[in-house]
Amino acid sequence: MLRDYGFDLEEMPFALDGNLPLPTDPKLAWAQQNLKEKPLEINRAGRRELVRIPGIGPKNADAILQARRTSKLRDLTALRKLGIVVARAAPFIILDGRRADTQLTMF
């Protein structure tokens, strides 16, 4: 998380005992603490912010930035086509001004 996603040690979601939570992915734990109430707008977020969203890795963030050059990303289907794990990302993002987890999804 430190190298690939740009987290600082102070940002890591340590439990009270000083360890990372075992039952939860650390990136997901961080997002639940920091993005649940204030999700990121996919069409405005920078690369550093995008890679912190669960379901979006460095290559996916680059794909989002590339896709935004030609059009706005408006729904989860567009993200799915870019290889994003939308089930993990949806609770933490906004697409074109709307929370993604409230949009209808096509599987």
PDB file of N, CA and C in Angstrom:
ATOM      1  N   MET A   1       0.820  -1.191   0.000  1.00  0.00           N
ATOM      2  CA  MET A   1       0.000   0.000   0.000  1.00  0.00           C
ATOM      3  C   MET A   1       0.862   1.253   0.000  1.00  0.00           C
ATOM      4  N   LEU A   2       1.983   1.169   0.671  1.00  0.00           N
ATOM      5  CA  LEU A   2       2.847   2.341   0.743  1.00  0.00           C
ATOM      6  C   LEU A   2       3.445   2.659  -0.619  1.00  0.00           C
ATOM      7  N   ARG A   3       3.961   1.660  -1.291  1.00  0.00           N
ATOM      8  CA  ARG A   3       4.644   1.882  -2.563  1.00  0.00           C
ATOM      9  C   ARG A   3       3.659   2.027  -3.725  1.00  0.00           C
ATOM     10  N   ASP A   4       2.737   1.084  -3.864  1.00  0.00           N
ATOM     11  CA  ASP A   4       1.866   1.057  -5.034  1.00  0.00           C
ATOM     12  C   ASP A   4       0.719   2.058  -4.993  1.00  0.00           C
ATOM     13  N   TYR A   5       0.249   2.398  -3.804  1.00  0.00           N
ATOM     14  CA  TYR A   5      -0.931   3.244  -3.706  1.00  0.00           C
ATOM     15  C   TYR A   5      -0.665   4.605  -3.075  1.00  0.00           C
ATOM     16  N   GLY A   6       0.560   4.882  -2.672  1.00  0.00           N
ATOM     17  CA  GLY A   6       0.921   6.201  -2.178  1.00  0.00           C
ATOM     18  C   GLY A   6       0.462   6.532  -0.777  1.00  0.00           C
ATOM     19  N   PHE A   7       0.157   5.528   0.025  1.00  0.00           N
ATOM     20  CA  PHE A   7      -0.243   5.785   1.403  1.00  0.00           C
ATOM     21  C   PHE A   7       0.978   6.128   2.246  1.00  0.00           C
ATOM     22  N   ASP A   8       0.771   6.960   3.256  1.00  0.00           N
ATOM     23  CA  ASP A   8       1.782   7.224   4.264  1.00  0.00           C
ATOM     24  C   ASP A   8       1.519   6.286   5.436  1.00  0.00           C
ATOM     25  N   LEU A   9       2.529   6.013   6.215  1.00  0.00           N
ATOM     26  CA  LEU A   9       2.387   5.112   7.352  1.00  0.00           C
ATOM     27  C   LEU A   9       1.295   5.592   8.308  1.00  0.00           C
ATOM     28  N   GLU A  10       1.207   6.904   8.488  1.00  0.00           N
ATOM     29  CA  GLU A  10       0.204   7.465   9.400  1.00  0.00           C
ATOM     30  C   GLU A  10      -1.227   7.254   8.913  1.00  0.00           C
ATOM     31  N   GLU A  11      -1.399   7.008   7.632  1.00  0.00           N
ATOM     32  CA  GLU A  11      -2.738   6.825   7.066  1.00  0.00           C
ATOM     33  C   GLU A  11      -3.226   5.383   7.149  1.00  0.00           C
ATOM     34  N   MET A  12      -2.344   4.469   7.455  1.00  0.00           N
ATOM     35  CA  MET A  12      -2.711   3.057   7.475  1.00  0.00           C
ATOM     36  C   MET A  12      -3.788   2.814   8.534  1.00  0.00           C
ATOM     37  N   PRO A  13      -4.743   1.955   8.238  1.00  0.00           N
ATOM     38  CA  PRO A  13      -5.872   1.726   9.159  1.00  0.00           C
ATOM     39  C   PRO A  13      -5.533   0.730  10.274  1.00  0.00           C
ATOM     40  N   PHE A  14      -4.597   1.081  11.143  1.00  0.00           N
ATOM     41  CA  PHE A  14      -4.198   0.200  12.231  1.00  0.00           C
ATOM     42  C   PHE A  14      -5.321   0.070  13.247  1.00  0.00           C
ATOM     43  N   ALA A  15      -5.453  -1.131  13.797  1.00  0.00           N
ATOM     44  CA  ALA A  15      -6.409  -1.373  14.877  1.00  0.00           C
ATOM     45  C   ALA A  15      -5.818  -0.837  16.183  1.00  0.00           C
ATOM     46  N   LEU A  16      -6.586  -0.882  17.247  1.00  0.00           N
ATOM     47  CA  LEU A  16      -6.124  -0.375  18.540  1.00  0.00           C
ATOM     48  C   LEU A  16      -4.900  -1.125  19.051  1.00  0.00           C
ATOM     49  N   ASP A  17      -4.746  -2.387  18.634  1.00  0.00           N
ATOM     50  CA  ASP A  17      -3.589  -3.168  19.082  1.00  0.00           C
ATOM     51  C   ASP A  17      -2.331  -2.879  18.254  1.00  0.00           C
ATOM     52  N   GLY A  18      -2.426  -1.974  17.275  1.00  0.00           N
ATOM     53  CA  GLY A  18      -1.277  -1.591  16.472  1.00  0.00           C
ATOM     54  C   GLY A  18      -1.058  -2.426  15.232  1.00  0.00           C
ATOM     55  N   ASN A  19      -1.943  -3.371  14.972  1.00  0.00           N
ATOM     56  CA  ASN A  19      -1.842  -4.227  13.798  1.00  0.00           C
ATOM     57  C   ASN A  19      -2.884  -3.842  12.759  1.00  0.00           C
ATOM     58  N   LEU A  20      -2.629  -4.238  11.524  1.00  0.00           N
ATOM     59  CA  LEU A  20      -3.641  -4.056  10.479  1.00  0.00           C
ATOM     60  C   LEU A  20      -4.750  -5.074  10.713  1.00  0.00           C
ATOM     61  N   PRO A  21      -5.981  -4.736  10.367  1.00  0.00           N
ATOM     62  CA  PRO A  21      -7.087  -5.666  10.592  1.00  0.00           C
ATOM     63  C   PRO A  21      -6.946  -6.910   9.707  1.00  0.00           C
ATOM     64  N   LEU A  22      -6.958  -8.092  10.319  1.00  0.00           N
ATOM     65  CA  LEU A  22      -6.797  -9.329   9.554  1.00  0.00           C
ATOM     66  C   LEU A  22      -8.010  -9.684   8.695  1.00  0.00           C
ATOM     67  N   PRO A  23      -9.228  -9.526   9.193  1.00  0.00           N
ATOM     68  CA  PRO A  23     -10.372  -9.956   8.370  1.00  0.00           C
ATOM     69  C   PRO A  23     -10.705  -9.012   7.212  1.00  0.00           C
ATOM     70  N   THR A  24     -10.133  -7.822   7.188  1.00  0.00           N
ATOM     71  CA  THR A  24     -10.460  -6.833   6.160  1.00  0.00           C
ATOM     72  C   THR A  24      -9.208  -6.432   5.389  1.00  0.00           C
ATOM     73  N   ASP A  25      -9.350  -6.290   4.092  1.00  0.00           N
ATOM     74  CA  ASP A  25      -8.272  -5.772   3.262  1.00  0.00           C
ATOM     75  C   ASP A  25      -7.923  -4.365   3.756  1.00  0.00           C
ATOM     76  N   PRO A  26      -6.638  -4.050   3.959  1.00  0.00           N
ATOM     77  CA  PRO A  26      -6.282  -2.724   4.481  1.00  0.00           C
ATOM     78  C   PRO A  26      -6.770  -1.562   3.620  1.00  0.00           C
ATOM     79  N   LYS A  27      -6.757  -1.723   2.308  1.00  0.00           N
ATOM     80  CA  LYS A  27      -7.231  -0.642   1.428  1.00  0.00           C
ATOM     81  C   LYS A  27      -8.732  -0.434   1.611  1.00  0.00           C
ATOM     82  N   LEU A  28      -9.467  -1.524   1.784  1.00  0.00           N
ATOM     83  CA  LEU A  28     -10.907  -1.435   2.027  1.00  0.00           C
ATOM     84  C   LEU A  28     -11.172  -0.796   3.391  1.00  0.00           C
ATOM     85  N   ALA A  29     -10.387  -1.186   4.400  1.00  0.00           N
ATOM     86  CA  ALA A  29     -10.554  -0.599   5.740  1.00  0.00           C
ATOM     87  C   ALA A  29     -10.300   0.904   5.705  1.00  0.00           C
ATOM     88  N   TRP A  30      -9.261   1.322   4.960  1.00  0.00           N
ATOM     89  CA  TRP A  30      -8.986   2.753   4.839  1.00  0.00           C
ATOM     90  C   TRP A  30     -10.153   3.470   4.161  1.00  0.00           C
ATOM     91  N   ALA A  31     -10.656   2.885   3.079  1.00  0.00           N
ATOM     92  CA  ALA A  31     -11.760   3.512   2.342  1.00  0.00           C
ATOM     93  C   ALA A  31     -13.020   3.609   3.203  1.00  0.00           C
ATOM     94  N   GLN A  32     -13.284   2.601   4.002  1.00  0.00           N
ATOM     95  CA  GLN A  32     -14.457   2.653   4.867  1.00  0.00           C
ATOM     96  C   GLN A  32     -14.342   3.769   5.893  1.00  0.00           C
ATOM     97  N   GLN A  33     -13.128   4.051   6.338  1.00  0.00           N
ATOM     98  CA  GLN A  33     -12.918   5.131   7.309  1.00  0.00           C
ATOM     99  C   GLN A  33     -12.908   6.508   6.657  1.00  0.00           C
ATOM    100  N   ASN A  34     -12.448   6.593   5.413  1.00  0.00           N
ATOM    101  CA  ASN A  34     -12.199   7.896   4.799  1.00  0.00           C
ATOM    102  C   ASN A  34     -13.087   8.259   3.616  1.00  0.00           C
ATOM    103  N   LEU A  35     -13.628   7.286   2.916  1.00  0.00           N
ATOM    104  CA  LEU A  35     -14.397   7.586   1.707  1.00  0.00           C
ATOM    105  C   LEU A  35     -15.881   7.248   1.809  1.00  0.00           C
ATOM    106  N   LYS A  36     -16.285   6.525   2.814  1.00  0.00           N
ATOM    107  CA  LYS A  36     -17.679   6.092   2.925  1.00  0.00           C
ATOM    108  C   LYS A  36     -18.641   7.282   2.965  1.00  0.00           C
ATOM    109  N   GLU A  37     -18.313   8.278   3.768  1.00  0.00           N
ATOM    110  CA  GLU A  37     -19.180   9.452   3.906  1.00  0.00           C
ATOM    111  C   GLU A  37     -18.868  10.538   2.881  1.00  0.00           C
ATOM    112  N   LYS A  38     -17.685  10.492   2.300  1.00  0.00           N
ATOM    113  CA  LYS A  38     -17.289  11.505   1.325  1.00  0.00           C
ATOM    114  C   LYS A  38     -16.642  10.808   0.122  1.00  0.00           C
ATOM    115  N   PRO A  39     -17.471  10.207  -0.744  1.00  0.00           N
ATOM    116  CA  PRO A  39     -16.926   9.478  -1.896  1.00  0.00           C
ATOM    117  C   PRO A  39     -16.268  10.419  -2.911  1.00  0.00           C
ATOM    118  N   LEU A  40     -15.426   9.841  -3.745  1.00  0.00           N
ATOM    119  CA  LEU A  40     -14.689  10.616  -4.752  1.00  0.00           C
ATOM    120  C   LEU A  40     -15.429  10.663  -6.081  1.00  0.00           C
ATOM    121  N   GLU A  41     -15.419  11.807  -6.715  1.00  0.00           N
ATOM    122  CA  GLU A  41     -15.976  11.965  -8.060  1.00  0.00           C
ATOM    123  C   GLU A  41     -14.943  11.427  -9.047  1.00  0.00           C
ATOM    124  N   ILE A  42     -15.285  10.365  -9.725  1.00  0.00           N
ATOM    125  CA  ILE A  42     -14.379   9.697 -10.670  1.00  0.00           C
ATOM    126  C   ILE A  42     -13.919  10.645 -11.773  1.00  0.00           C
ATOM    127  N   ASN A  43     -14.771  11.546 -12.199  1.00  0.00           N
ATOM    128  CA  ASN A  43     -14.438  12.426 -13.317  1.00  0.00           C
ATOM    129  C   ASN A  43     -13.526  13.597 -12.924  1.00  0.00           C
ATOM    130  N   ARG A  44     -13.256  13.764 -11.633  1.00  0.00           N
ATOM    131  CA  ARG A  44     -12.384  14.853 -11.197  1.00  0.00           C
ATOM    132  C   ARG A  44     -11.199  14.400 -10.365  1.00  0.00           C
ATOM    133  N   ALA A  45     -11.226  13.184  -9.859  1.00  0.00           N
ATOM    134  CA  ALA A  45     -10.170  12.696  -8.974  1.00  0.00           C
ATOM    135  C   ALA A  45      -8.857  12.511  -9.723  1.00  0.00           C
ATOM    136  N   GLY A  46      -7.774  12.804  -9.047  1.00  0.00           N
ATOM    137  CA  GLY A  46      -6.449  12.594  -9.609  1.00  0.00           C
ATOM    138  C   GLY A  46      -6.025  11.139  -9.467  1.00  0.00           C
ATOM    139  N   ARG A  47      -4.918  10.806 -10.088  1.00  0.00           N
ATOM    140  CA  ARG A  47      -4.433   9.422 -10.061  1.00  0.00           C
ATOM    141  C   ARG A  47      -4.195   8.951  -8.627  1.00  0.00           C
ATOM    142  N   ARG A  48      -3.580   9.782  -7.809  1.00  0.00           N
ATOM    143  CA  ARG A  48      -3.287   9.411  -6.419  1.00  0.00           C
ATOM    144  C   ARG A  48      -4.566   9.093  -5.648  1.00  0.00           C
ATOM    145  N   GLU A  49      -5.623   9.820  -5.912  1.00  0.00           N
ATOM    146  CA  GLU A  49      -6.906   9.554  -5.253  1.00  0.00           C
ATOM    147  C   GLU A  49      -7.558   8.297  -5.823  1.00  0.00           C
ATOM    148  N   LEU A  50      -7.488   8.119  -7.131  1.00  0.00           N
ATOM    149  CA  LEU A  50      -8.127   6.972  -7.762  1.00  0.00           C
ATOM    150  C   LEU A  50      -7.570   5.645  -7.271  1.00  0.00           C
ATOM    151  N   VAL A  51      -6.250   5.541  -7.116  1.00  0.00           N
ATOM    152  CA  VAL A  51      -5.669   4.257  -6.706  1.00  0.00           C
ATOM    153  C   VAL A  51      -6.006   3.894  -5.265  1.00  0.00           C
ATOM    154  N   ARG A  52      -6.528   4.810  -4.509  1.00  0.00           N
ATOM    155  CA  ARG A  52      -6.920   4.527  -3.126  1.00  0.00           C
ATOM    156  C   ARG A  52      -8.320   3.926  -3.028  1.00  0.00           C
ATOM    157  N   ILE A  53      -9.051   3.921  -4.112  1.00  0.00           N
ATOM    158  CA  ILE A  53     -10.399   3.363  -4.126  1.00  0.00           C
ATOM    159  C   ILE A  53     -10.299   1.849  -4.295  1.00  0.00           C
ATOM    160  N   PRO A  54     -10.939   1.074  -3.422  1.00  0.00           N
ATOM    161  CA  PRO A  54     -10.937  -0.384  -3.610  1.00  0.00           C
ATOM    162  C   PRO A  54     -11.481  -0.744  -4.992  1.00  0.00           C
ATOM    163  N   GLY A  55     -10.854  -1.705  -5.626  1.00  0.00           N
ATOM    164  CA  GLY A  55     -11.273  -2.120  -6.958  1.00  0.00           C
ATOM    165  C   GLY A  55     -10.573  -1.380  -8.078  1.00  0.00           C
ATOM    166  N   ILE A  56      -9.768  -0.378  -7.734  1.00  0.00           N
ATOM    167  CA  ILE A  56      -9.022   0.396  -8.729  1.00  0.00           C
ATOM    168  C   ILE A  56      -7.543   0.339  -8.369  1.00  0.00           C
ATOM    169  N   GLY A  57      -6.761  -0.197  -9.288  1.00  0.00           N
ATOM    170  CA  GLY A  57      -5.321  -0.260  -9.110  1.00  0.00           C
ATOM    171  C   GLY A  57      -4.634   0.765  -9.992  1.00  0.00           C
ATOM    172  N   PRO A  58      -3.309   0.765 -10.011  1.00  0.00           N
ATOM    173  CA  PRO A  58      -2.571   1.742 -10.815  1.00  0.00           C
ATOM    174  C   PRO A  58      -2.917   1.701 -12.305  1.00  0.00           C
ATOM    175  N   LYS A  59      -3.017   0.517 -12.877  1.00  0.00           N
ATOM    176  CA  LYS A  59      -3.352   0.422 -14.304  1.00  0.00           C
ATOM    177  C   LYS A  59      -4.784   0.885 -14.571  1.00  0.00           C
ATOM    178  N   ASN A  60      -5.690   0.552 -13.646  1.00  0.00           N
ATOM    179  CA  ASN A  60      -7.077   0.998 -13.796  1.00  0.00           C
ATOM    180  C   ASN A  60      -7.185   2.514 -13.688  1.00  0.00           C
ATOM    181  N   ALA A  61      -6.412   3.104 -12.781  1.00  0.00           N
ATOM    182  CA  ALA A  61      -6.427   4.563 -12.634  1.00  0.00           C
ATOM    183  C   ALA A  61      -5.951   5.221 -13.924  1.00  0.00           C
ATOM    184  N   ASP A  62      -4.910   4.663 -14.528  1.00  0.00           N
ATOM    185  CA  ASP A  62      -4.428   5.201 -15.801  1.00  0.00           C
ATOM    186  C   ASP A  62      -5.491   5.065 -16.888  1.00  0.00           C
ATOM    187  N   ALA A  63      -6.221   3.937 -16.883  1.00  0.00           N
ATOM    188  CA  ALA A  63      -7.283   3.734 -17.874  1.00  0.00           C
ATOM    189  C   ALA A  63      -8.413   4.749 -17.679  1.00  0.00           C
ATOM    190  N   ILE A  64      -8.740   5.062 -16.436  1.00  0.00           N
ATOM    191  CA  ILE A  64      -9.772   6.061 -16.152  1.00  0.00           C
ATOM    192  C   ILE A  64      -9.326   7.433 -16.651  1.00  0.00           C
ATOM    193  N   LEU A  65      -8.100   7.795 -16.349  1.00  0.00           N
ATOM    194  CA  LEU A  65      -7.589   9.101 -16.794  1.00  0.00           C
ATOM    195  C   LEU A  65      -7.591   9.197 -18.318  1.00  0.00           C
ATOM    196  N   GLN A  66      -7.239   8.126 -18.983  1.00  0.00           N
ATOM    197  CA  GLN A  66      -7.246   8.098 -20.452  1.00  0.00           C
ATOM    198  C   GLN A  66      -8.677   8.228 -20.984  1.00  0.00           C
ATOM    199  N   ALA A  67      -9.611   7.487 -20.407  1.00  0.00           N
ATOM    200  CA  ALA A  67     -11.006   7.526 -20.857  1.00  0.00           C
ATOM    201  C   ALA A  67     -11.629   8.902 -20.631  1.00  0.00           C
ATOM    202  N   ARG A  68     -11.249   9.579 -19.557  1.00  0.00           N
ATOM    203  CA  ARG A  68     -11.798  10.912 -19.261  1.00  0.00           C
ATOM    204  C   ARG A  68     -11.378  11.947 -20.290  1.00  0.00           C
ATOM    205  N   ARG A  69     -10.327  11.688 -21.031  1.00  0.00           N
ATOM    206  CA  ARG A  69      -9.897  12.648 -22.049  1.00  0.00           C
ATOM    207  C   ARG A  69     -10.887  12.741 -23.198  1.00  0.00           C
ATOM    208  N   THR A  70     -11.666  11.685 -23.413  1.00  0.00           N
ATOM    209  CA  THR A  70     -12.606  11.678 -24.532  1.00  0.00           C
ATOM    210  C   THR A  70     -14.064  11.875 -24.106  1.00  0.00           C
ATOM    211  N   SER A  71     -14.405  11.455 -22.886  1.00  0.00           N
ATOM    212  CA  SER A  71     -15.784  11.622 -22.440  1.00  0.00           C
ATOM    213  C   SER A  71     -15.888  11.459 -20.931  1.00  0.00           C
ATOM    214  N   LYS A  72     -17.021  11.885 -20.380  1.00  0.00           N
ATOM    215  CA  LYS A  72     -17.289  11.708 -18.964  1.00  0.00           C
ATOM    216  C   LYS A  72     -17.665  10.258 -18.707  1.00  0.00           C
ATOM    217  N   LEU A  73     -17.257   9.758 -17.575  1.00  0.00           N
ATOM    218  CA  LEU A  73     -17.681   8.429 -17.139  1.00  0.00           C
ATOM    219  C   LEU A  73     -18.979   8.619 -16.362  1.00  0.00           C
ATOM    220  N   ARG A  74     -20.053   8.048 -16.866  1.00  0.00           N
ATOM    221  CA  ARG A  74     -21.375   8.331 -16.301  1.00  0.00           C
ATOM    222  C   ARG A  74     -22.023   7.166 -15.558  1.00  0.00           C
ATOM    223  N   ASP A  75     -21.541   5.941 -15.778  1.00  0.00           N
ATOM    224  CA  ASP A  75     -22.185   4.815 -15.114  1.00  0.00           C
ATOM    225  C   ASP A  75     -21.193   3.693 -14.833  1.00  0.00           C
ATOM    226  N   LEU A  76     -21.647   2.730 -14.055  1.00  0.00           N
ATOM    227  CA  LEU A  76     -20.780   1.624 -13.664  1.00  0.00           C
ATOM    228  C   LEU A  76     -20.387   0.747 -14.845  1.00  0.00           C
ATOM    229  N   THR A  77     -21.216   0.699 -15.863  1.00  0.00           N
ATOM    230  CA  THR A  77     -20.894  -0.089 -17.050  1.00  0.00           C
ATOM    231  C   THR A  77     -19.622   0.431 -17.710  1.00  0.00           C
ATOM    232  N   ALA A  78     -19.463   1.744 -17.777  1.00  0.00           N
ATOM    233  CA  ALA A  78     -18.252   2.330 -18.366  1.00  0.00           C
ATOM    234  C   ALA A  78     -17.020   1.939 -17.561  1.00  0.00           C
ATOM    235  N   LEU A  79     -17.151   1.917 -16.240  1.00  0.00           N
ATOM    236  CA  LEU A  79     -16.022   1.509 -15.400  1.00  0.00           C
ATOM    237  C   LEU A  79     -15.720   0.026 -15.567  1.00  0.00           C
ATOM    238  N   ARG A  80     -16.754  -0.765 -15.650  1.00  0.00           N
ATOM    239  CA  ARG A  80     -16.577  -2.213 -15.829  1.00  0.00           C
ATOM    240  C   ARG A  80     -15.807  -2.501 -17.118  1.00  0.00           C
ATOM    241  N   LYS A  81     -16.098  -1.755 -18.168  1.00  0.00           N
ATOM    242  CA  LYS A  81     -15.391  -1.942 -19.446  1.00  0.00           C
ATOM    243  C   LYS A  81     -13.911  -1.609 -19.327  1.00  0.00           C
ATOM    244  N   LEU A  82     -13.552  -0.773 -18.359  1.00  0.00           N
ATOM    245  CA  LEU A  82     -12.154  -0.408 -18.140  1.00  0.00           C
ATOM    246  C   LEU A  82     -11.435  -1.408 -17.232  1.00  0.00           C
ATOM    247  N   GLY A  83     -12.158  -2.401 -16.751  1.00  0.00           N
ATOM    248  CA  GLY A  83     -11.556  -3.417 -15.894  1.00  0.00           C
ATOM    249  C   GLY A  83     -11.656  -3.139 -14.412  1.00  0.00           C
ATOM    250  N   ILE A  84     -12.471  -2.173 -14.034  1.00  0.00           N
ATOM    251  CA  ILE A  84     -12.644  -1.827 -12.630  1.00  0.00           C
ATOM    252  C   ILE A  84     -13.536  -2.875 -11.963  1.00  0.00           C
ATOM    253  N   VAL A  85     -13.205  -3.264 -10.747  1.00  0.00           N
ATOM    254  CA  VAL A  85     -14.054  -4.162  -9.965  1.00  0.00           C
ATOM    255  C   VAL A  85     -15.131  -3.285  -9.325  1.00  0.00           C
ATOM    256  N   VAL A  86     -16.219  -3.093 -10.052  1.00  0.00           N
ATOM    257  CA  VAL A  86     -17.221  -2.099  -9.636  1.00  0.00           C
ATOM    258  C   VAL A  86     -17.902  -2.454  -8.324  1.00  0.00           C
ATOM    259  N   ALA A  87     -18.020  -3.724  -7.998  1.00  0.00           N
ATOM    260  CA  ALA A  87     -18.652  -4.101  -6.732  1.00  0.00           C
ATOM    261  C   ALA A  87     -17.852  -3.564  -5.548  1.00  0.00           C
ATOM    262  N   ARG A  88     -16.543  -3.497  -5.678  1.00  0.00           N
ATOM    263  CA  ARG A  88     -15.699  -2.971  -4.600  1.00  0.00           C
ATOM    264  C   ARG A  88     -15.635  -1.446  -4.631  1.00  0.00           C
ATOM    265  N   ALA A  89     -15.644  -0.867  -5.814  1.00  0.00           N
ATOM    266  CA  ALA A  89     -15.460   0.578  -5.957  1.00  0.00           C
ATOM    267  C   ALA A  89     -16.737   1.381  -5.715  1.00  0.00           C
ATOM    268  N   ALA A  90     -17.888   0.845  -6.071  1.00  0.00           N
ATOM    269  CA  ALA A  90     -19.141   1.604  -6.082  1.00  0.00           C
ATOM    270  C   ALA A  90     -19.471   2.350  -4.786  1.00  0.00           C
ATOM    271  N   PRO A  91     -19.291   1.772  -3.603  1.00  0.00           N
ATOM    272  CA  PRO A  91     -19.652   2.522  -2.388  1.00  0.00           C
ATOM    273  C   PRO A  91     -18.800   3.760  -2.122  1.00  0.00           C
ATOM    274  N   PHE A  92     -17.686   3.885  -2.832  1.00  0.00           N
ATOM    275  CA  PHE A  92     -16.727   4.938  -2.525  1.00  0.00           C
ATOM    276  C   PHE A  92     -16.574   5.971  -3.635  1.00  0.00           C
ATOM    277  N   ILE A  93     -17.460   5.914  -4.640  1.00  0.00           N
ATOM    278  CA  ILE A  93     -17.311   6.825  -5.777  1.00  0.00           C
ATOM    279  C   ILE A  93     -18.609   7.541  -6.113  1.00  0.00           C
ATOM    280  N   ILE A  94     -18.436   8.633  -6.852  1.00  0.00           N
ATOM    281  CA  ILE A  94     -19.543   9.377  -7.446  1.00  0.00           C
ATOM    282  C   ILE A  94     -19.260   9.416  -8.945  1.00  0.00           C
ATOM    283  N   LEU A  95     -20.290   9.168  -9.725  1.00  0.00           N
ATOM    284  CA  LEU A  95     -20.182   9.218 -11.184  1.00  0.00           C
ATOM    285  C   LEU A  95     -21.112  10.294 -11.709  1.00  0.00           C
ATOM    286  N   ASP A  96     -20.540  11.305 -12.309  1.00  0.00           N
ATOM    287  CA  ASP A  96     -21.313  12.391 -12.903  1.00  0.00           C
ATOM    288  C   ASP A  96     -22.292  12.995 -11.891  1.00  0.00           C
ATOM    289  N   GLY A  97     -21.814  13.192 -10.663  1.00  0.00           N
ATOM    290  CA  GLY A  97     -22.613  13.855  -9.646  1.00  0.00           C
ATOM    291  C   GLY A  97     -23.540  12.972  -8.843  1.00  0.00           C
ATOM    292  N   ARG A  98     -23.565  11.661  -9.124  1.00  0.00           N
ATOM    293  CA  ARG A  98     -24.458  10.751  -8.386  1.00  0.00           C
ATOM    294  C   ARG A  98     -23.657   9.634  -7.738  1.00  0.00           C
ATOM    295  N   ARG A  99     -24.100   9.205  -6.563  1.00  0.00           N
ATOM    296  CA  ARG A  99     -23.461   8.062  -5.917  1.00  0.00           C
ATOM    297  C   ARG A  99     -23.616   6.836  -6.792  1.00  0.00           C
ATOM    298  N   ALA A 100     -22.542   6.157  -7.000  1.00  0.00           N
ATOM    299  CA  ALA A 100     -22.547   4.999  -7.882  1.00  0.00           C
ATOM    300  C   ALA A 100     -23.363   3.838  -7.335  1.00  0.00           C
ATOM    301  N   ASP A 101     -23.396   3.654  -6.024  1.00  0.00           N
ATOM    302  CA  ASP A 101     -24.107   2.500  -5.482  1.00  0.00           C
ATOM    303  C   ASP A 101     -25.623   2.653  -5.568  1.00  0.00           C
ATOM    304  N   THR A 102     -26.114   3.815  -5.980  1.00  0.00           N
ATOM    305  CA  THR A 102     -27.546   4.002  -6.156  1.00  0.00           C
ATOM    306  C   THR A 102     -27.966   3.885  -7.622  1.00  0.00           C
ATOM    307  N   GLN A 103     -26.983   3.699  -8.484  1.00  0.00           N
ATOM    308  CA  GLN A 103     -27.292   3.565  -9.906  1.00  0.00           C
ATOM    309  C   GLN A 103     -27.654   2.125 -10.218  1.00  0.00           C
ATOM    310  N   LEU A 104     -28.472   1.937 -11.217  1.00  0.00           N
ATOM    311  CA  LEU A 104     -28.776   0.594 -11.664  1.00  0.00           C
ATOM    312  C   LEU A 104     -27.557   0.023 -12.369  1.00  0.00           C
ATOM    313  N   THR A 105     -27.280  -1.238 -12.122  1.00  0.00           N
ATOM    314  CA  THR A 105     -26.132  -1.863 -12.738  1.00  0.00           C
ATOM    315  C   THR A 105     -26.592  -3.027 -13.601  1.00  0.00           C
ATOM    316  N   MET A 106     -25.873  -3.252 -14.648  1.00  0.00           N
ATOM    317  CA  MET A 106     -26.149  -4.366 -15.544  1.00  0.00           C
ATOM    318  C   MET A 106     -25.008  -5.356 -15.401  1.00  0.00           C
ATOM    319  N   PHE A 107     -25.292  -6.574 -15.005  1.00  0.00           N
ATOM    320  CA  PHE A 107     -24.238  -7.571 -14.859  1.00  0.00           C
ATOM    321  C   PHE A 107     -24.341  -8.494 -15.987  1.00  0.00           C
TER     322      PHE A 107
END
